[in-house]
Amino acid sequence: MAKYIRREVWVEETEIDLPTDEVMTIAQAARLLGVYTQAVSLALDRGDLTLIIDRHAPKRQGRRLVLSREIDAWRRRREQRMPAETQPRPTYSW
């Protein structure tokens, strides 16, 4: 039977002082990567991504944020593994 260890890497700030281009919501990260939001949430739960909690945001509306540079690194790793014809086309709708 497999044993799972939950690693948590998170940062809690009373005031988010990062510029808006350095953080994004889970939904924005999922759209950029071409994956479901659950994939990004699982990466946060595993500790693969840094979680930033914005206490002033309403629940279920962007309270959990991720660093844009980590999402960009994830996207570059995915592009290296995927053939060009199967790569998702980025959609920027936000």
PDB file of N, CA and C in Angstrom:
ATOM      1  N   MET A   1       0.845  -1.176   0.000  1.00  0.00           N
ATOM      2  CA  MET A   1       0.000   0.000   0.000  1.00  0.00           C
ATOM      3  C   MET A   1       0.891   1.241   0.000  1.00  0.00           C
ATOM      4  N   ALA A   2       0.547   2.206  -0.815  1.00  0.00           N
ATOM      5  CA  ALA A   2       1.331   3.434  -0.932  1.00  0.00           C
ATOM      6  C   ALA A   2       1.091   4.337   0.268  1.00  0.00           C
ATOM      7  N   LYS A   3       2.137   4.990   0.658  1.00  0.00           N
ATOM      8  CA  LYS A   3       2.037   5.940   1.764  1.00  0.00           C
ATOM      9  C   LYS A   3       2.209   7.336   1.200  1.00  0.00           C
ATOM     10  N   TYR A   4       1.267   8.196   1.480  1.00  0.00           N
ATOM     11  CA  TYR A   4       1.304   9.556   0.976  1.00  0.00           C
ATOM     12  C   TYR A   4       1.666  10.511   2.103  1.00  0.00           C
ATOM     13  N   ILE A   5       2.550  11.408   1.784  1.00  0.00           N
ATOM     14  CA  ILE A   5       2.947  12.438   2.735  1.00  0.00           C
ATOM     15  C   ILE A   5       2.517  13.777   2.174  1.00  0.00           C
ATOM     16  N   ARG A   6       1.805  14.501   2.943  1.00  0.00           N
ATOM     17  CA  ARG A   6       1.348  15.819   2.493  1.00  0.00           C
ATOM     18  C   ARG A   6       2.366  16.864   2.918  1.00  0.00           C
ATOM     19  N   ARG A   7       2.979  17.482   1.924  1.00  0.00           N
ATOM     20  CA  ARG A   7       3.918  18.554   2.186  1.00  0.00           C
ATOM     21  C   ARG A   7       3.187  19.872   1.999  1.00  0.00           C
ATOM     22  N   GLU A   8       3.379  20.754   2.914  1.00  0.00           N
ATOM     23  CA  GLU A   8       2.710  22.044   2.794  1.00  0.00           C
ATOM     24  C   GLU A   8       3.747  23.152   2.714  1.00  0.00           C
ATOM     25  N   VAL A   9       3.644  23.923   1.654  1.00  0.00           N
ATOM     26  CA  VAL A   9       4.462  25.118   1.499  1.00  0.00           C
ATOM     27  C   VAL A   9       3.470  26.245   1.260  1.00  0.00           C
ATOM     28  N   TRP A  10       3.310  27.090   2.215  1.00  0.00           N
ATOM     29  CA  TRP A  10       2.358  28.177   2.052  1.00  0.00           C
ATOM     30  C   TRP A  10       2.861  29.409   2.782  1.00  0.00           C
ATOM     31  N   VAL A  11       2.384  30.503   2.317  1.00  0.00           N
ATOM     32  CA  VAL A  11       2.748  31.792   2.882  1.00  0.00           C
ATOM     33  C   VAL A  11       1.453  32.511   3.212  1.00  0.00           C
ATOM     34  N   GLU A  12       1.343  32.971   4.438  1.00  0.00           N
ATOM     35  CA  GLU A  12       0.157  33.725   4.828  1.00  0.00           C
ATOM     36  C   GLU A  12       0.585  35.154   5.107  1.00  0.00           C
ATOM     37  N   GLU A  13      -0.037  36.064   4.420  1.00  0.00           N
ATOM     38  CA  GLU A  13       0.301  37.466   4.596  1.00  0.00           C
ATOM     39  C   GLU A  13      -0.949  38.226   5.005  1.00  0.00           C
ATOM     40  N   THR A  14      -0.757  39.172   5.887  1.00  0.00           N
ATOM     41  CA  THR A  14      -1.901  39.997   6.265  1.00  0.00           C
ATOM     42  C   THR A  14      -2.230  40.977   5.145  1.00  0.00           C
ATOM     43  N   GLU A  15      -1.227  41.424   4.434  1.00  0.00           N
ATOM     44  CA  GLU A  15      -1.423  42.295   3.280  1.00  0.00           C
ATOM     45  C   GLU A  15      -0.595  41.738   2.132  1.00  0.00           C
ATOM     46  N   ILE A  16      -1.232  41.450   1.018  1.00  0.00           N
ATOM     47  CA  ILE A  16      -0.509  40.971  -0.149  1.00  0.00           C
ATOM     48  C   ILE A  16       0.196  42.167  -0.772  1.00  0.00           C
ATOM     49  N   ASP A  17       1.520  42.180  -0.676  1.00  0.00           N
ATOM     50  CA  ASP A  17       2.272  43.312  -1.205  1.00  0.00           C
ATOM     51  C   ASP A  17       2.974  42.969  -2.515  1.00  0.00           C
ATOM     52  N   LEU A  18       2.628  41.834  -3.101  1.00  0.00           N
ATOM     53  CA  LEU A  18       3.202  41.453  -4.385  1.00  0.00           C
ATOM     54  C   LEU A  18       2.443  42.148  -5.507  1.00  0.00           C
ATOM     55  N   PRO A  19       3.138  42.530  -6.566  1.00  0.00           N
ATOM     56  CA  PRO A  19       2.426  43.105  -7.712  1.00  0.00           C
ATOM     57  C   PRO A  19       1.469  42.081  -8.321  1.00  0.00           C
ATOM     58  N   THR A  20       0.424  42.557  -8.941  1.00  0.00           N
ATOM     59  CA  THR A  20      -0.592  41.651  -9.482  1.00  0.00           C
ATOM     60  C   THR A  20      -0.061  40.768 -10.605  1.00  0.00           C
ATOM     61  N   ASP A  21       1.034  41.149 -11.243  1.00  0.00           N
ATOM     62  CA  ASP A  21       1.579  40.293 -12.295  1.00  0.00           C
ATOM     63  C   ASP A  21       2.452  39.167 -11.734  1.00  0.00           C
ATOM     64  N   GLU A  22       2.717  39.167 -10.415  1.00  0.00           N
ATOM     65  CA  GLU A  22       3.516  38.114  -9.796  1.00  0.00           C
ATOM     66  C   GLU A  22       2.678  37.018  -9.170  1.00  0.00           C
ATOM     67  N   VAL A  23       1.376  37.230  -9.030  1.00  0.00           N
ATOM     68  CA  VAL A  23       0.484  36.211  -8.472  1.00  0.00           C
ATOM     69  C   VAL A  23      -0.719  36.033  -9.396  1.00  0.00           C
ATOM     70  N   MET A  24      -1.338  34.874  -9.302  1.00  0.00           N
ATOM     71  CA  MET A  24      -2.568  34.617 -10.059  1.00  0.00           C
ATOM     72  C   MET A  24      -3.420  33.634  -9.277  1.00  0.00           C
ATOM     73  N   THR A  25      -4.693  33.603  -9.607  1.00  0.00           N
ATOM     74  CA  THR A  25      -5.597  32.673  -8.949  1.00  0.00           C
ATOM     75  C   THR A  25      -5.385  31.274  -9.514  1.00  0.00           C
ATOM     76  N   ILE A  26      -5.947  30.300  -8.839  1.00  0.00           N
ATOM     77  CA  ILE A  26      -5.853  28.913  -9.297  1.00  0.00           C
ATOM     78  C   ILE A  26      -6.537  28.758 -10.648  1.00  0.00           C
ATOM     79  N   ALA A  27      -7.665  29.419 -10.832  1.00  0.00           N
ATOM     80  CA  ALA A  27      -8.392  29.325 -12.107  1.00  0.00           C
ATOM     81  C   ALA A  27      -7.575  29.920 -13.252  1.00  0.00           C
ATOM     82  N   GLN A  28      -6.926  31.041 -13.017  1.00  0.00           N
ATOM     83  CA  GLN A  28      -6.087  31.647 -14.050  1.00  0.00           C
ATOM     84  C   GLN A  28      -4.908  30.742 -14.386  1.00  0.00           C
ATOM     85  N   ALA A  29      -4.296  30.149 -13.364  1.00  0.00           N
ATOM     86  CA  ALA A  29      -3.165  29.249 -13.594  1.00  0.00           C
ATOM     87  C   ALA A  29      -3.605  28.033 -14.406  1.00  0.00           C
ATOM     88  N   ALA A  30      -4.765  27.488 -14.095  1.00  0.00           N
ATOM     89  CA  ALA A  30      -5.265  26.316 -14.821  1.00  0.00           C
ATOM     90  C   ALA A  30      -5.533  26.660 -16.283  1.00  0.00           C
ATOM     91  N   ARG A  31      -6.125  27.829 -16.539  1.00  0.00           N
ATOM     92  CA  ARG A  31      -6.375  28.242 -17.927  1.00  0.00           C
ATOM     93  C   ARG A  31      -5.075  28.401 -18.695  1.00  0.00           C
ATOM     94  N   LEU A  32      -4.081  29.002 -18.067  1.00  0.00           N
ATOM     95  CA  LEU A  32      -2.794  29.215 -18.712  1.00  0.00           C
ATOM     96  C   LEU A  32      -2.101  27.890 -19.036  1.00  0.00           C
ATOM     97  N   LEU A  33      -2.224  26.922 -18.145  1.00  0.00           N
ATOM     98  CA  LEU A  33      -1.588  25.619 -18.342  1.00  0.00           C
ATOM     99  C   LEU A  33      -2.398  24.681 -19.218  1.00  0.00           C
ATOM    100  N   GLY A  34      -3.684  24.943 -19.371  1.00  0.00           N
ATOM    101  CA  GLY A  34      -4.545  24.048 -20.131  1.00  0.00           C
ATOM    102  C   GLY A  34      -4.917  22.806 -19.350  1.00  0.00           C
ATOM    103  N   VAL A  35      -5.039  22.936 -18.017  1.00  0.00           N
ATOM    104  CA  VAL A  35      -5.403  21.809 -17.155  1.00  0.00           C
ATOM    105  C   VAL A  35      -6.629  22.210 -16.332  1.00  0.00           C
ATOM    106  N   TYR A  36      -7.160  21.239 -15.607  1.00  0.00           N
ATOM    107  CA  TYR A  36      -8.272  21.528 -14.708  1.00  0.00           C
ATOM    108  C   TYR A  36      -7.758  22.207 -13.435  1.00  0.00           C
ATOM    109  N   THR A  37      -8.630  22.918 -12.757  1.00  0.00           N
ATOM    110  CA  THR A  37      -8.241  23.584 -11.513  1.00  0.00           C
ATOM    111  C   THR A  37      -7.813  22.571 -10.454  1.00  0.00           C
ATOM    112  N   GLN A  38      -8.363  21.348 -10.520  1.00  0.00           N
ATOM    113  CA  GLN A  38      -7.999  20.316  -9.551  1.00  0.00           C
ATOM    114  C   GLN A  38      -6.515  19.962  -9.664  1.00  0.00           C
ATOM    115  N   ALA A  39      -5.946  20.012 -10.870  1.00  0.00           N
ATOM    116  CA  ALA A  39      -4.530  19.703 -11.050  1.00  0.00           C
ATOM    117  C   ALA A  39      -3.664  20.729 -10.332  1.00  0.00           C
ATOM    118  N   VAL A  40      -4.042  21.987 -10.410  1.00  0.00           N
ATOM    119  CA  VAL A  40      -3.285  23.036  -9.725  1.00  0.00           C
ATOM    120  C   VAL A  40      -3.471  22.908  -8.215  1.00  0.00           C
ATOM    121  N   SER A  41      -4.690  22.609  -7.771  1.00  0.00           N
ATOM    122  CA  SER A  41      -4.953  22.435  -6.340  1.00  0.00           C
ATOM    123  C   SER A  41      -4.162  21.259  -5.774  1.00  0.00           C
ATOM    124  N   LEU A  42      -4.080  20.175  -6.530  1.00  0.00           N
ATOM    125  CA  LEU A  42      -3.300  19.021  -6.077  1.00  0.00           C
ATOM    126  C   LEU A  42      -1.815  19.359  -5.986  1.00  0.00           C
ATOM    127  N   ALA A  43      -1.312  20.141  -6.928  1.00  0.00           N
ATOM    128  CA  ALA A  43       0.087  20.566  -6.873  1.00  0.00           C
ATOM    129  C   ALA A  43       0.335  21.429  -5.632  1.00  0.00           C
ATOM    130  N   LEU A  44      -0.637  22.248  -5.270  1.00  0.00           N
ATOM    131  CA  LEU A  44      -0.532  23.040  -4.044  1.00  0.00           C
ATOM    132  C   LEU A  44      -0.531  22.137  -2.818  1.00  0.00           C
ATOM    133  N   ASP A  45      -1.421  21.144  -2.805  1.00  0.00           N
ATOM    134  CA  ASP A  45      -1.505  20.221  -1.673  1.00  0.00           C
ATOM    135  C   ASP A  45      -0.226  19.399  -1.525  1.00  0.00           C
ATOM    136  N   ARG A  46       0.391  19.027  -2.641  1.00  0.00           N
ATOM    137  CA  ARG A  46       1.629  18.254  -2.597  1.00  0.00           C
ATOM    138  C   ARG A  46       2.822  19.103  -2.189  1.00  0.00           C
ATOM    139  N   GLY A  47       2.699  20.408  -2.270  1.00  0.00           N
ATOM    140  CA  GLY A  47       3.805  21.293  -1.945  1.00  0.00           C
ATOM    141  C   GLY A  47       4.667  21.619  -3.143  1.00  0.00           C
ATOM    142  N   ASP A  48       4.189  21.287  -4.347  1.00  0.00           N
ATOM    143  CA  ASP A  48       4.943  21.596  -5.557  1.00  0.00           C
ATOM    144  C   ASP A  48       4.891  23.082  -5.894  1.00  0.00           C
ATOM    145  N   LEU A  49       3.867  23.753  -5.443  1.00  0.00           N
ATOM    146  CA  LEU A  49       3.700  25.187  -5.672  1.00  0.00           C
ATOM    147  C   LEU A  49       3.553  25.900  -4.336  1.00  0.00           C
ATOM    148  N   THR A  50       3.938  27.149  -4.305  1.00  0.00           N
ATOM    149  CA  THR A  50       3.803  27.961  -3.097  1.00  0.00           C
ATOM    150  C   THR A  50       2.399  28.552  -3.055  1.00  0.00           C
ATOM    151  N   LEU A  51       1.723  28.357  -1.949  1.00  0.00           N
ATOM    152  CA  LEU A  51       0.371  28.879  -1.762  1.00  0.00           C
ATOM    153  C   LEU A  51       0.443  30.199  -1.024  1.00  0.00           C
ATOM    154  N   ILE A  52      -0.210  31.197  -1.576  1.00  0.00           N
ATOM    155  CA  ILE A  52      -0.321  32.501  -0.926  1.00  0.00           C
ATOM    156  C   ILE A  52      -1.797  32.736  -0.668  1.00  0.00           C
ATOM    157  N   ILE A  53      -2.124  33.017   0.580  1.00  0.00           N
ATOM    158  CA  ILE A  53      -3.520  33.196   0.975  1.00  0.00           C
ATOM    159  C   ILE A  53      -3.791  34.680   1.158  1.00  0.00           C
ATOM    160  N   ASP A  54      -4.767  35.174   0.421  1.00  0.00           N
ATOM    161  CA  ASP A  54      -5.207  36.561   0.553  1.00  0.00           C
ATOM    162  C   ASP A  54      -6.433  36.564   1.462  1.00  0.00           C
ATOM    163  N   ARG A  55      -6.252  36.945   2.694  1.00  0.00           N
ATOM    164  CA  ARG A  55      -7.334  36.911   3.685  1.00  0.00           C
ATOM    165  C   ARG A  55      -8.458  37.908   3.381  1.00  0.00           C
ATOM    166  N   HIS A  56      -8.179  38.915   2.582  1.00  0.00           N
ATOM    167  CA  HIS A  56      -9.200  39.924   2.302  1.00  0.00           C
ATOM    168  C   HIS A  56     -10.109  39.540   1.147  1.00  0.00           C
ATOM    169  N   ALA A  57      -9.727  38.559   0.370  1.00  0.00           N
ATOM    170  CA  ALA A  57     -10.552  38.132  -0.763  1.00  0.00           C
ATOM    171  C   ALA A  57     -11.692  37.260  -0.258  1.00  0.00           C
ATOM    172  N   PRO A  58     -12.853  37.311  -0.911  1.00  0.00           N
ATOM    173  CA  PRO A  58     -13.960  36.452  -0.504  1.00  0.00           C
ATOM    174  C   PRO A  58     -13.626  34.991  -0.758  1.00  0.00           C
ATOM    175  N   LYS A  59     -14.181  34.110   0.062  1.00  0.00           N
ATOM    176  CA  LYS A  59     -13.953  32.681  -0.122  1.00  0.00           C
ATOM    177  C   LYS A  59     -14.432  32.249  -1.494  1.00  0.00           C
ATOM    178  N   ARG A  60     -13.692  31.313  -2.083  1.00  0.00           N
ATOM    179  CA  ARG A  60     -13.989  30.728  -3.385  1.00  0.00           C
ATOM    180  C   ARG A  60     -13.957  31.757  -4.514  1.00  0.00           C
ATOM    181  N   GLN A  61     -13.313  32.874  -4.280  1.00  0.00           N
ATOM    182  CA  GLN A  61     -13.198  33.882  -5.328  1.00  0.00           C
ATOM    183  C   GLN A  61     -11.807  34.487  -5.333  1.00  0.00           C
ATOM    184  N   GLY A  62     -10.789  33.652  -5.401  1.00  0.00           N
ATOM    185  CA  GLY A  62      -9.443  34.157  -5.519  1.00  0.00           C
ATOM    186  C   GLY A  62      -8.702  34.335  -4.222  1.00  0.00           C
ATOM    187  N   ARG A  63      -9.099  33.643  -3.176  1.00  0.00           N
ATOM    188  CA  ARG A  63      -8.388  33.753  -1.906  1.00  0.00           C
ATOM    189  C   ARG A  63      -7.037  33.049  -1.969  1.00  0.00           C
ATOM    190  N   ARG A  64      -7.001  31.897  -2.652  1.00  0.00           N
ATOM    191  CA  ARG A  64      -5.751  31.138  -2.776  1.00  0.00           C
ATOM    192  C   ARG A  64      -5.049  31.561  -4.065  1.00  0.00           C
ATOM    193  N   LEU A  65      -3.828  32.051  -3.918  1.00  0.00           N
ATOM    194  CA  LEU A  65      -3.054  32.546  -5.054  1.00  0.00           C
ATOM    195  C   LEU A  65      -1.791  31.718  -5.214  1.00  0.00           C
ATOM    196  N   VAL A  66      -1.267  31.698  -6.429  1.00  0.00           N
ATOM    197  CA  VAL A  66      -0.004  31.030  -6.722  1.00  0.00           C
ATOM    198  C   VAL A  66       0.929  32.032  -7.380  1.00  0.00           C
ATOM    199  N   LEU A  67       2.220  31.743  -7.314  1.00  0.00           N
ATOM    200  CA  LEU A  67       3.212  32.633  -7.920  1.00  0.00           C
ATOM    201  C   LEU A  67       3.274  32.399  -9.423  1.00  0.00           C
ATOM    202  N   SER A  68       3.240  33.470 -10.183  1.00  0.00           N
ATOM    203  CA  SER A  68       3.259  33.380 -11.653  1.00  0.00           C
ATOM    204  C   SER A  68       4.537  32.723 -12.160  1.00  0.00           C
ATOM    205  N   ARG A  69       5.665  32.988 -11.521  1.00  0.00           N
ATOM    206  CA  ARG A  69       6.925  32.409 -11.998  1.00  0.00           C
ATOM    207  C   ARG A  69       6.932  30.892 -11.849  1.00  0.00           C
ATOM    208  N   GLU A  70       6.261  30.363 -10.827  1.00  0.00           N
ATOM    209  CA  GLU A  70       6.177  28.908 -10.678  1.00  0.00           C
ATOM    210  C   GLU A  70       5.275  28.298 -11.743  1.00  0.00           C
ATOM    211  N   ILE A  71       4.204  28.989 -12.106  1.00  0.00           N
ATOM    212  CA  ILE A  71       3.309  28.499 -13.154  1.00  0.00           C
ATOM    213  C   ILE A  71       4.019  28.552 -14.502  1.00  0.00           C
ATOM    214  N   ASP A  72       4.777  29.613 -14.750  1.00  0.00           N
ATOM    215  CA  ASP A  72       5.541  29.703 -16.005  1.00  0.00           C
ATOM    216  C   ASP A  72       6.567  28.577 -16.109  1.00  0.00           C
ATOM    217  N   ALA A  73       7.225  28.247 -14.999  1.00  0.00           N
ATOM    218  CA  ALA A  73       8.193  27.146 -14.998  1.00  0.00           C
ATOM    219  C   ALA A  73       7.487  25.815 -15.271  1.00  0.00           C
ATOM    220  N   TRP A  74       6.312  25.626 -14.682  1.00  0.00           N
ATOM    221  CA  TRP A  74       5.531  24.405 -14.904  1.00  0.00           C
ATOM    222  C   TRP A  74       5.139  24.306 -16.385  1.00  0.00           C
ATOM    223  N   ARG A  75       4.721  25.426 -16.964  1.00  0.00           N
ATOM    224  CA  ARG A  75       4.318  25.443 -18.373  1.00  0.00           C
ATOM    225  C   ARG A  75       5.504  25.102 -19.281  1.00  0.00           C
ATOM    226  N   ARG A  76       6.687  25.638 -18.980  1.00  0.00           N
ATOM    227  CA  ARG A  76       7.873  25.331 -19.782  1.00  0.00           C
ATOM    228  C   ARG A  76       8.236  23.850 -19.693  1.00  0.00           C
ATOM    229  N   ARG A  77       8.135  23.261 -18.491  1.00  0.00           N
ATOM    230  CA  ARG A  77       8.409  21.826 -18.351  1.00  0.00           C
ATOM    231  C   ARG A  77       7.419  20.995 -19.154  1.00  0.00           C
ATOM    232  N   ARG A  78       6.141  21.394 -19.135  1.00  0.00           N
ATOM    233  CA  ARG A  78       5.123  20.665 -19.902  1.00  0.00           C
ATOM    234  C   ARG A  78       5.389  20.762 -21.398  1.00  0.00           C
ATOM    235  N   GLU A  79       5.777  21.937 -21.875  1.00  0.00           N
ATOM    236  CA  GLU A  79       6.039  22.138 -23.295  1.00  0.00           C
ATOM    237  C   GLU A  79       7.228  21.313 -23.761  1.00  0.00           C
ATOM    238  N   GLN A  80       8.203  21.121 -22.909  1.00  0.00           N
ATOM    239  CA  GLN A  80       9.362  20.310 -23.279  1.00  0.00           C
ATOM    240  C   GLN A  80       8.996  18.839 -23.424  1.00  0.00           C
ATOM    241  N   ARG A  81       8.013  18.391 -22.640  1.00  0.00           N
ATOM    242  CA  ARG A  81       7.610  16.984 -22.693  1.00  0.00           C
ATOM    243  C   ARG A  81       6.620  16.689 -23.799  1.00  0.00           C
ATOM    244  N   MET A  82       5.826  17.678 -24.203  1.00  0.00           N
ATOM    245  CA  MET A  82       4.747  17.456 -25.153  1.00  0.00           C
ATOM    246  C   MET A  82       5.194  17.768 -26.577  1.00  0.00           C
ATOM    247  N   PRO A  83       4.790  16.939 -27.550  1.00  0.00           N
ATOM    248  CA  PRO A  83       5.047  17.296 -28.951  1.00  0.00           C
ATOM    249  C   PRO A  83       4.306  18.579 -29.314  1.00  0.00           C
ATOM    250  N   ALA A  84       4.810  19.297 -30.287  1.00  0.00           N
ATOM    251  CA  ALA A  84       4.259  20.613 -30.646  1.00  0.00           C
ATOM    252  C   ALA A  84       2.794  20.538 -31.063  1.00  0.00           C
ATOM    253  N   GLU A  85       2.391  19.474 -31.773  1.00  0.00           N
ATOM    254  CA  GLU A  85       1.008  19.420 -32.263  1.00  0.00           C
ATOM    255  C   GLU A  85      -0.002  19.123 -31.163  1.00  0.00           C
ATOM    256  N   THR A  86       0.440  18.630 -29.998  1.00  0.00           N
ATOM    257  CA  THR A  86      -0.513  18.347 -28.925  1.00  0.00           C
ATOM    258  C   THR A  86      -0.505  19.407 -27.838  1.00  0.00           C
ATOM    259  N   GLN A  87       0.309  20.454 -27.989  1.00  0.00           N
ATOM    260  CA  GLN A  87       0.365  21.490 -26.985  1.00  0.00           C
ATOM    261  C   GLN A  87      -0.925  22.301 -26.979  1.00  0.00           C
ATOM    262  N   PRO A  88      -1.459  22.588 -25.811  1.00  0.00           N
ATOM    263  CA  PRO A  88      -2.669  23.417 -25.767  1.00  0.00           C
ATOM    264  C   PRO A  88      -2.363  24.857 -26.175  1.00  0.00           C
ATOM    265  N   ARG A  89      -3.281  25.447 -26.851  1.00  0.00           N
ATOM    266  CA  ARG A  89      -3.121  26.849 -27.215  1.00  0.00           C
ATOM    267  C   ARG A  89      -3.497  27.709 -26.031  1.00  0.00           C
ATOM    268  N   PRO A  90      -2.654  28.665 -25.665  1.00  0.00           N
ATOM    269  CA  PRO A  90      -2.977  29.488 -24.509  1.00  0.00           C
ATOM    270  C   PRO A  90      -4.158  30.392 -24.793  1.00  0.00           C
ATOM    271  N   THR A  91      -5.021  30.500 -23.806  1.00  0.00           N
ATOM    272  CA  THR A  91      -6.150  31.417 -23.893  1.00  0.00           C
ATOM    273  C   THR A  91      -6.023  32.425 -22.779  1.00  0.00           C
ATOM    274  N   TYR A  92      -6.026  33.669 -23.139  1.00  0.00           N
ATOM    275  CA  TYR A  92      -5.886  34.736 -22.161  1.00  0.00           C
ATOM    276  C   TYR A  92      -7.214  35.495 -22.105  1.00  0.00           C
ATOM    277  N   SER A  93      -8.052  35.080 -21.165  1.00  0.00           N
ATOM    278  CA  SER A  93      -9.370  35.690 -21.101  1.00  0.00           C
ATOM    279  C   SER A  93      -9.581  36.508 -19.845  1.00  0.00           C
ATOM    280  N   TRP A  94      -8.562  36.674 -19.045  1.00  0.00           N
ATOM    281  CA  TRP A  94      -8.775  37.455 -17.830  1.00  0.00           C
ATOM    282  C   TRP A  94      -8.372  38.842 -17.987  1.00  0.00           C
TER     283      TRP A  94
END
